[in-house]
């Protein structure tokens, strides 16, 4: 069962706000959600403040469902679709380069008491809701969706973007 689409969510959400096996959908953007705007600002932090470039955008579609299983216990399943348009400095010329990221990622947030279990000691993924998902833990009843989204975006950001217009000046 799915509920109506929401346009707001805090970066940290109480797990108890979600009913078991009901999918809550969210369509978020940097224009209406401050913590998403902060991520977009951080993406542009590498640019010289004097550089001129068009404003970027960050849109996020989330599906959050609370699940319960005998193996994982009470947990949240979060499915995210990220659509980011931003600029990074070219690794050679430092000119702002347009970047477009479309990325889908899923995560399971388990209770933090499970973090100490041997099977999760070095794990980064877990099998939940019939698929392999990124592994996160919720603490004090709060799942940090903002941390999850931030981490997944910055894992996809290229370390040294390069303009395709730069001629290769190195001779063979």
C-alpha atoms as a PDB file:
ATOM      1  CA  UNK A   1       0.000   0.000   0.000  1.00  0.00           C
ATOM      2  CA  UNK A   2       1.288   3.462  -0.893  1.00  0.00           C
ATOM      3  CA  UNK A   3       0.261   6.795   0.577  1.00  0.00           C
ATOM      4  CA  UNK A   4       0.022  10.176  -1.167  1.00  0.00           C
ATOM      5  CA  UNK A   5       3.238  11.892  -2.191  1.00  0.00           C
ATOM      6  CA  UNK A   6       4.748  14.173   0.456  1.00  0.00           C
ATOM      7  CA  UNK A   7       6.926  17.182  -0.335  1.00  0.00           C
ATOM      8  CA  UNK A   8       8.656  17.599   3.030  1.00  0.00           C
ATOM      9  CA  UNK A   9      10.734  15.414   5.315  1.00  0.00           C
ATOM     10  CA  UNK A  10      13.306  16.173   7.982  1.00  0.00           C
ATOM     11  CA  UNK A  11      16.852  14.897   7.551  1.00  0.00           C
ATOM     12  CA  UNK A  12      16.318  12.637  10.580  1.00  0.00           C
ATOM     13  CA  UNK A  13      13.049  10.746  10.760  1.00  0.00           C
ATOM     14  CA  UNK A  14      11.552   8.832  13.701  1.00  0.00           C
ATOM     15  CA  UNK A  15      11.153   5.190  12.738  1.00  0.00           C
ATOM     16  CA  UNK A  16       7.892   5.076  14.694  1.00  0.00           C
ATOM     17  CA  UNK A  17       6.329   7.616  12.290  1.00  0.00           C
ATOM     18  CA  UNK A  18       5.977   4.815   9.752  1.00  0.00           C
ATOM     19  CA  UNK A  19       3.424   2.014   9.837  1.00  0.00           C
ATOM     20  CA  UNK A  20       4.573  -1.487   8.959  1.00  0.00           C
ATOM     21  CA  UNK A  21       4.409  -2.405   5.259  1.00  0.00           C
ATOM     22  CA  UNK A  22       3.030   0.973   4.135  1.00  0.00           C
ATOM     23  CA  UNK A  23       5.153   2.874   1.619  1.00  0.00           C
ATOM     24  CA  UNK A  24       5.457   6.624   2.160  1.00  0.00           C
ATOM     25  CA  UNK A  25       6.522   8.501  -0.972  1.00  0.00           C
ATOM     26  CA  UNK A  26       8.368  11.820  -1.088  1.00  0.00           C
ATOM     27  CA  UNK A  27       9.307  14.187  -3.896  1.00  0.00           C
ATOM     28  CA  UNK A  28      11.823  16.671  -2.540  1.00  0.00           C
ATOM     29  CA  UNK A  29      13.905  19.466  -4.002  1.00  0.00           C
ATOM     30  CA  UNK A  30      16.551  21.934  -2.931  1.00  0.00           C
ATOM     31  CA  UNK A  31      13.964  24.713  -3.340  1.00  0.00           C
ATOM     32  CA  UNK A  32      11.692  23.459  -0.550  1.00  0.00           C
ATOM     33  CA  UNK A  33      13.907  21.282   1.654  1.00  0.00           C
ATOM     34  CA  UNK A  34      16.745  23.071   3.501  1.00  0.00           C
ATOM     35  CA  UNK A  35      18.924  20.004   4.145  1.00  0.00           C
ATOM     36  CA  UNK A  36      18.853  19.150   0.435  1.00  0.00           C
ATOM     37  CA  UNK A  37      19.776  22.757  -0.409  1.00  0.00           C
ATOM     38  CA  UNK A  38      22.734  22.386   1.989  1.00  0.00           C
ATOM     39  CA  UNK A  39      23.983  19.340   0.042  1.00  0.00           C
ATOM     40  CA  UNK A  40      23.760  21.283  -3.242  1.00  0.00           C
ATOM     41  CA  UNK A  41      25.655  24.186  -1.671  1.00  0.00           C
ATOM     42  CA  UNK A  42      28.343  21.766  -0.485  1.00  0.00           C
ATOM     43  CA  UNK A  43      28.659  20.374  -4.027  1.00  0.00           C
ATOM     44  CA  UNK A  44      29.426  23.912  -5.230  1.00  0.00           C
ATOM     45  CA  UNK A  45      31.853  24.669  -2.367  1.00  0.00           C
ATOM     46  CA  UNK A  46      34.847  23.666  -4.521  1.00  0.00           C
ATOM     47  CA  UNK A  47      34.143  26.452  -7.003  1.00  0.00           C
ATOM     48  CA  UNK A  48      35.764  29.853  -6.836  1.00  0.00           C
ATOM     49  CA  UNK A  49      33.158  32.302  -5.447  1.00  0.00           C
ATOM     50  CA  UNK A  50      34.022  34.707  -8.282  1.00  0.00           C
ATOM     51  CA  UNK A  51      33.158  32.153 -10.998  1.00  0.00           C
ATOM     52  CA  UNK A  52      29.873  32.615 -12.843  1.00  0.00           C
ATOM     53  CA  UNK A  53      27.791  29.515 -13.440  1.00  0.00           C
ATOM     54  CA  UNK A  54      24.064  28.724 -13.596  1.00  0.00           C
ATOM     55  CA  UNK A  55      22.377  27.600 -10.405  1.00  0.00           C
ATOM     56  CA  UNK A  56      22.193  23.853  -9.938  1.00  0.00           C
ATOM     57  CA  UNK A  57      19.330  21.730  -8.704  1.00  0.00           C
ATOM     58  CA  UNK A  58      18.898  18.655  -6.545  1.00  0.00           C
ATOM     59  CA  UNK A  59      15.751  16.558  -6.680  1.00  0.00           C
ATOM     60  CA  UNK A  60      15.091  13.483  -4.655  1.00  0.00           C
ATOM     61  CA  UNK A  61      12.369  10.856  -4.822  1.00  0.00           C
ATOM     62  CA  UNK A  62      12.120   8.662  -1.748  1.00  0.00           C
ATOM     63  CA  UNK A  63      10.069   5.649  -0.819  1.00  0.00           C
ATOM     64  CA  UNK A  64      10.236   4.727   2.852  1.00  0.00           C
ATOM     65  CA  UNK A  65       8.645   1.629   4.353  1.00  0.00           C
ATOM     66  CA  UNK A  66       8.895   0.166   7.821  1.00  0.00           C
ATOM     67  CA  UNK A  67       9.416  -3.586   7.831  1.00  0.00           C
ATOM     68  CA  UNK A  68       9.792  -6.292  10.427  1.00  0.00           C
ATOM     69  CA  UNK A  69      11.519  -9.636  10.007  1.00  0.00           C
ATOM     70  CA  UNK A  70      12.822 -12.277  12.363  1.00  0.00           C
ATOM     71  CA  UNK A  71      16.369 -11.819  11.074  1.00  0.00           C
ATOM     72  CA  UNK A  72      16.594  -8.005  10.730  1.00  0.00           C
ATOM     73  CA  UNK A  73      14.044  -7.000  13.355  1.00  0.00           C
ATOM     74  CA  UNK A  74      12.225  -3.668  13.034  1.00  0.00           C
ATOM     75  CA  UNK A  75      13.879  -1.708  10.200  1.00  0.00           C
ATOM     76  CA  UNK A  76      13.291   0.942   7.541  1.00  0.00           C
ATOM     77  CA  UNK A  77      13.724   0.330   3.829  1.00  0.00           C
ATOM     78  CA  UNK A  78      14.589   3.503   1.918  1.00  0.00           C
ATOM     79  CA  UNK A  79      14.640   3.662  -1.877  1.00  0.00           C
ATOM     80  CA  UNK A  80      16.091   6.863  -3.318  1.00  0.00           C
ATOM     81  CA  UNK A  81      16.295   8.316  -6.807  1.00  0.00           C
ATOM     82  CA  UNK A  82      18.699  11.235  -6.995  1.00  0.00           C
ATOM     83  CA  UNK A  83      18.686  13.781  -9.819  1.00  0.00           C
ATOM     84  CA  UNK A  84      21.422  16.379  -9.336  1.00  0.00           C
ATOM     85  CA  UNK A  85      22.567  19.150 -11.662  1.00  0.00           C
ATOM     86  CA  UNK A  86      25.599  21.013 -10.370  1.00  0.00           C
ATOM     87  CA  UNK A  87      29.025  22.349 -11.306  1.00  0.00           C
ATOM     88  CA  UNK A  88      32.535  21.256 -10.333  1.00  0.00           C
ATOM     89  CA  UNK A  89      35.865  22.848 -11.212  1.00  0.00           C
ATOM     90  CA  UNK A  90      37.742  21.173 -14.083  1.00  0.00           C
ATOM     91  CA  UNK A  91      40.715  19.249 -12.703  1.00  0.00           C
ATOM     92  CA  UNK A  92      43.032  21.027 -15.156  1.00  0.00           C
ATOM     93  CA  UNK A  93      41.613  24.503 -15.828  1.00  0.00           C
ATOM     94  CA  UNK A  94      39.395  25.078 -12.748  1.00  0.00           C
ATOM     95  CA  UNK A  95      36.608  26.307 -15.065  1.00  0.00           C
ATOM     96  CA  UNK A  96      33.168  25.299 -13.708  1.00  0.00           C
ATOM     97  CA  UNK A  97      31.949  22.161 -15.482  1.00  0.00           C
ATOM     98  CA  UNK A  98      28.310  21.131 -15.624  1.00  0.00           C
ATOM     99  CA  UNK A  99      27.627  17.750 -13.995  1.00  0.00           C
ATOM    100  CA  UNK A 100      24.436  15.691 -14.108  1.00  0.00           C
ATOM    101  CA  UNK A 101      23.928  12.780 -11.740  1.00  0.00           C
ATOM    102  CA  UNK A 102      21.052  10.343 -11.945  1.00  0.00           C
ATOM    103  CA  UNK A 103      21.500   7.713  -9.280  1.00  0.00           C
ATOM    104  CA  UNK A 104      19.246   5.143  -7.632  1.00  0.00           C
ATOM    105  CA  UNK A 105      20.208   3.608  -4.315  1.00  0.00           C
ATOM    106  CA  UNK A 106      18.441   1.566  -1.655  1.00  0.00           C
ATOM    107  CA  UNK A 107      19.238   1.227   2.017  1.00  0.00           C
ATOM    108  CA  UNK A 108      18.067  -0.654   5.049  1.00  0.00           C
ATOM    109  CA  UNK A 109      18.239   1.098   8.416  1.00  0.00           C
ATOM    110  CA  UNK A 110      18.564  -1.458  11.224  1.00  0.00           C
ATOM    111  CA  UNK A 111      18.386  -0.809  14.972  1.00  0.00           C
ATOM    112  CA  UNK A 112      21.790   0.268  16.280  1.00  0.00           C
ATOM    113  CA  UNK A 113      21.883  -2.677  18.730  1.00  0.00           C
ATOM    114  CA  UNK A 114      22.567  -4.887  15.690  1.00  0.00           C
ATOM    115  CA  UNK A 115      25.670  -2.899  14.795  1.00  0.00           C
ATOM    116  CA  UNK A 116      27.635  -4.865  17.398  1.00  0.00           C
ATOM    117  CA  UNK A 117      26.655  -8.274  15.981  1.00  0.00           C
ATOM    118  CA  UNK A 118      29.500 -10.169  14.269  1.00  0.00           C
ATOM    119  CA  UNK A 119      27.612 -10.442  10.950  1.00  0.00           C
ATOM    120  CA  UNK A 120      27.553  -6.640  10.662  1.00  0.00           C
ATOM    121  CA  UNK A 121      31.059  -5.917  12.016  1.00  0.00           C
ATOM    122  CA  UNK A 122      32.507  -5.197   8.570  1.00  0.00           C
ATOM    123  CA  UNK A 123      29.364  -5.280   6.436  1.00  0.00           C
ATOM    124  CA  UNK A 124      28.334  -2.358   4.245  1.00  0.00           C
ATOM    125  CA  UNK A 125      25.326  -4.060   2.696  1.00  0.00           C
ATOM    126  CA  UNK A 126      22.498  -6.294   3.891  1.00  0.00           C
ATOM    127  CA  UNK A 127      19.884  -8.446   2.182  1.00  0.00           C
ATOM    128  CA  UNK A 128      16.523  -6.834   2.941  1.00  0.00           C
ATOM    129  CA  UNK A 129      13.180  -6.696   1.151  1.00  0.00           C
ATOM    130  CA  UNK A 130      14.400  -9.294  -1.381  1.00  0.00           C
ATOM    131  CA  UNK A 131      17.508  -7.388  -2.522  1.00  0.00           C
ATOM    132  CA  UNK A 132      20.968  -6.299  -1.468  1.00  0.00           C
ATOM    133  CA  UNK A 133      20.885  -2.815   0.093  1.00  0.00           C
ATOM    134  CA  UNK A 134      23.279  -0.359   1.652  1.00  0.00           C
ATOM    135  CA  UNK A 135      23.454  -0.885   5.410  1.00  0.00           C
ATOM    136  CA  UNK A 136      22.755   1.937   7.859  1.00  0.00           C
ATOM    137  CA  UNK A 137      21.663   1.971  11.481  1.00  0.00           C
ATOM    138  CA  UNK A 138      19.122   4.140  13.230  1.00  0.00           C
ATOM    139  CA  UNK A 139      19.950   5.546  16.647  1.00  0.00           C
ATOM    140  CA  UNK A 140      17.594   6.588  19.416  1.00  0.00           C
ATOM    141  CA  UNK A 141      14.681   5.816  17.116  1.00  0.00           C
ATOM    142  CA  UNK A 142      15.921   8.221  14.386  1.00  0.00           C
ATOM    143  CA  UNK A 143      17.012   7.212  10.888  1.00  0.00           C
ATOM    144  CA  UNK A 144      19.347   9.806   9.379  1.00  0.00           C
ATOM    145  CA  UNK A 145      18.044  10.025   5.810  1.00  0.00           C
ATOM    146  CA  UNK A 146      20.100  13.184   5.247  1.00  0.00           C
ATOM    147  CA  UNK A 147      23.354  11.385   6.060  1.00  0.00           C
ATOM    148  CA  UNK A 148      22.406   8.508   3.741  1.00  0.00           C
ATOM    149  CA  UNK A 149      21.606  10.838   0.813  1.00  0.00           C
ATOM    150  CA  UNK A 150      24.691  12.989   1.428  1.00  0.00           C
ATOM    151  CA  UNK A 151      27.008   9.990   1.540  1.00  0.00           C
ATOM    152  CA  UNK A 152      25.553   8.384  -1.582  1.00  0.00           C
ATOM    153  CA  UNK A 153      25.801  11.615  -3.583  1.00  0.00           C
ATOM    154  CA  UNK A 154      29.409  12.274  -2.625  1.00  0.00           C
ATOM    155  CA  UNK A 155      30.393   8.686  -3.426  1.00  0.00           C
ATOM    156  CA  UNK A 156      29.256   9.382  -7.015  1.00  0.00           C
ATOM    157  CA  UNK A 157      30.894  12.809  -7.460  1.00  0.00           C
ATOM    158  CA  UNK A 158      33.940  12.565  -9.752  1.00  0.00           C
ATOM    159  CA  UNK A 159      37.199  13.371  -7.958  1.00  0.00           C
ATOM    160  CA  UNK A 160      38.798  15.218 -10.898  1.00  0.00           C
ATOM    161  CA  UNK A 161      36.272  16.180 -13.558  1.00  0.00           C
ATOM    162  CA  UNK A 162      37.793  17.197 -16.864  1.00  0.00           C
ATOM    163  CA  UNK A 163      36.438  19.263 -19.679  1.00  0.00           C
ATOM    164  CA  UNK A 164      36.065  17.368 -22.942  1.00  0.00           C
ATOM    165  CA  UNK A 165      37.157  20.542 -24.771  1.00  0.00           C
ATOM    166  CA  UNK A 166      40.724  20.450 -23.484  1.00  0.00           C
ATOM    167  CA  UNK A 167      43.179  19.469 -26.177  1.00  0.00           C
ATOM    168  CA  UNK A 168      45.662  16.820 -25.202  1.00  0.00           C
ATOM    169  CA  UNK A 169      48.967  18.670 -24.948  1.00  0.00           C
ATOM    170  CA  UNK A 170      51.022  15.594 -24.045  1.00  0.00           C
ATOM    171  CA  UNK A 171      52.820  14.088 -27.030  1.00  0.00           C
ATOM    172  CA  UNK A 172      53.155  10.315 -27.447  1.00  0.00           C
END
